[in-house]
């Protein structure tokens, strides 16, 4: 398959714990805003996927004793 679904190595730019500490405090990112030009690579185990309409997915990523919710729009 291309791309390989099980790559030899996945480069992680930040741990989930550090990600939550960096971006998680209330008011760090205002409601309805997003950070432009910021790309972070996280690794963990997906525990749940929830669809919201045709093009929106929520992924619940767990790792290091913490979790984050990832919103992804599909086209």
C-alpha atoms as a PDB file:
ATOM      1  CA  UNK A   1       0.000   0.000   0.000  1.00  0.00           C
ATOM      2  CA  UNK A   2       1.098   3.520  -0.641  1.00  0.00           C
ATOM      3  CA  UNK A   3       1.485   5.243   1.760  1.00  0.00           C
ATOM      4  CA  UNK A   4       2.528   2.431   4.059  1.00  0.00           C
ATOM      5  CA  UNK A   5      -0.030   2.302   6.948  1.00  0.00           C
ATOM      6  CA  UNK A   6       2.678   0.902   9.242  1.00  0.00           C
ATOM      7  CA  UNK A   7       5.715   3.088   8.586  1.00  0.00           C
ATOM      8  CA  UNK A   8       9.076   2.051   9.951  1.00  0.00           C
ATOM      9  CA  UNK A   9       9.273   5.224  12.018  1.00  0.00           C
ATOM     10  CA  UNK A  10       6.876   8.035  12.824  1.00  0.00           C
ATOM     11  CA  UNK A  11       8.449  11.338  13.817  1.00  0.00           C
ATOM     12  CA  UNK A  12       6.733  12.832  16.877  1.00  0.00           C
ATOM     13  CA  UNK A  13       7.245  16.565  17.403  1.00  0.00           C
ATOM     14  CA  UNK A  14       5.686  16.788  20.888  1.00  0.00           C
ATOM     15  CA  UNK A  15       4.350  14.389  23.518  1.00  0.00           C
ATOM     16  CA  UNK A  16       0.646  14.395  24.339  1.00  0.00           C
ATOM     17  CA  UNK A  17       1.411  15.601  27.872  1.00  0.00           C
ATOM     18  CA  UNK A  18       3.521  18.515  26.583  1.00  0.00           C
ATOM     19  CA  UNK A  19       0.872  19.296  23.953  1.00  0.00           C
ATOM     20  CA  UNK A  20      -1.834  19.580  26.621  1.00  0.00           C
ATOM     21  CA  UNK A  21       0.420  21.772  28.783  1.00  0.00           C
ATOM     22  CA  UNK A  22       1.322  24.013  25.836  1.00  0.00           C
ATOM     23  CA  UNK A  23      -2.090  24.425  24.176  1.00  0.00           C
ATOM     24  CA  UNK A  24      -4.560  23.284  26.844  1.00  0.00           C
ATOM     25  CA  UNK A  25      -4.802  26.159  29.333  1.00  0.00           C
ATOM     26  CA  UNK A  26      -8.159  27.900  29.136  1.00  0.00           C
ATOM     27  CA  UNK A  27      -7.909  31.052  27.039  1.00  0.00           C
ATOM     28  CA  UNK A  28      -4.638  30.017  25.330  1.00  0.00           C
ATOM     29  CA  UNK A  29      -6.579  29.600  22.083  1.00  0.00           C
ATOM     30  CA  UNK A  30      -9.761  31.668  22.011  1.00  0.00           C
ATOM     31  CA  UNK A  31     -13.053  29.953  21.171  1.00  0.00           C
ATOM     32  CA  UNK A  32     -13.530  29.774  17.405  1.00  0.00           C
ATOM     33  CA  UNK A  33      -9.881  30.576  16.648  1.00  0.00           C
ATOM     34  CA  UNK A  34      -7.173  28.338  15.245  1.00  0.00           C
ATOM     35  CA  UNK A  35      -3.410  28.612  15.067  1.00  0.00           C
ATOM     36  CA  UNK A  36      -2.228  29.256  11.522  1.00  0.00           C
ATOM     37  CA  UNK A  37       1.016  27.656  10.380  1.00  0.00           C
ATOM     38  CA  UNK A  38       1.374  25.385  13.426  1.00  0.00           C
ATOM     39  CA  UNK A  39       1.876  21.666  12.785  1.00  0.00           C
ATOM     40  CA  UNK A  40       2.345  19.182  15.627  1.00  0.00           C
ATOM     41  CA  UNK A  41       2.823  15.404  15.282  1.00  0.00           C
ATOM     42  CA  UNK A  42       1.414  13.319  18.148  1.00  0.00           C
ATOM     43  CA  UNK A  43       1.470   9.580  18.697  1.00  0.00           C
ATOM     44  CA  UNK A  44      -0.962   7.557  20.755  1.00  0.00           C
ATOM     45  CA  UNK A  45      -3.806   5.090  20.539  1.00  0.00           C
ATOM     46  CA  UNK A  46      -7.152   6.084  19.038  1.00  0.00           C
ATOM     47  CA  UNK A  47      -9.866   5.009  21.481  1.00  0.00           C
ATOM     48  CA  UNK A  48     -12.895   6.429  19.721  1.00  0.00           C
ATOM     49  CA  UNK A  49     -13.901   7.993  16.424  1.00  0.00           C
ATOM     50  CA  UNK A  50     -17.091  10.010  16.178  1.00  0.00           C
ATOM     51  CA  UNK A  51     -18.595  11.396  12.979  1.00  0.00           C
ATOM     52  CA  UNK A  52     -20.454  14.687  12.946  1.00  0.00           C
ATOM     53  CA  UNK A  53     -22.086  15.015   9.579  1.00  0.00           C
ATOM     54  CA  UNK A  54     -20.576  13.991   6.257  1.00  0.00           C
ATOM     55  CA  UNK A  55     -17.168  15.705   6.508  1.00  0.00           C
ATOM     56  CA  UNK A  56     -16.281  16.089  10.173  1.00  0.00           C
ATOM     57  CA  UNK A  57     -14.603  13.509  12.429  1.00  0.00           C
ATOM     58  CA  UNK A  58     -13.504  13.613  16.063  1.00  0.00           C
ATOM     59  CA  UNK A  59     -10.687  11.302  17.167  1.00  0.00           C
ATOM     60  CA  UNK A  60      -9.919  10.620  20.824  1.00  0.00           C
ATOM     61  CA  UNK A  61      -6.179   9.986  21.172  1.00  0.00           C
ATOM     62  CA  UNK A  62      -4.868   8.467  24.425  1.00  0.00           C
ATOM     63  CA  UNK A  63      -1.259   8.173  25.568  1.00  0.00           C
ATOM     64  CA  UNK A  64       1.041   8.821  28.521  1.00  0.00           C
ATOM     65  CA  UNK A  65      -1.897   8.742  30.929  1.00  0.00           C
ATOM     66  CA  UNK A  66      -3.684  11.639  29.221  1.00  0.00           C
ATOM     67  CA  UNK A  67      -5.889  12.198  26.176  1.00  0.00           C
ATOM     68  CA  UNK A  68      -6.715  14.776  23.506  1.00  0.00           C
ATOM     69  CA  UNK A  69      -9.582  15.243  21.102  1.00  0.00           C
ATOM     70  CA  UNK A  70      -8.636  15.834  17.464  1.00  0.00           C
ATOM     71  CA  UNK A  71     -11.058  17.455  15.038  1.00  0.00           C
ATOM     72  CA  UNK A  72     -10.512  16.519  11.394  1.00  0.00           C
ATOM     73  CA  UNK A  73     -12.403  17.759   8.365  1.00  0.00           C
ATOM     74  CA  UNK A  74     -12.526  15.435   5.364  1.00  0.00           C
ATOM     75  CA  UNK A  75     -13.033  16.609   1.827  1.00  0.00           C
END
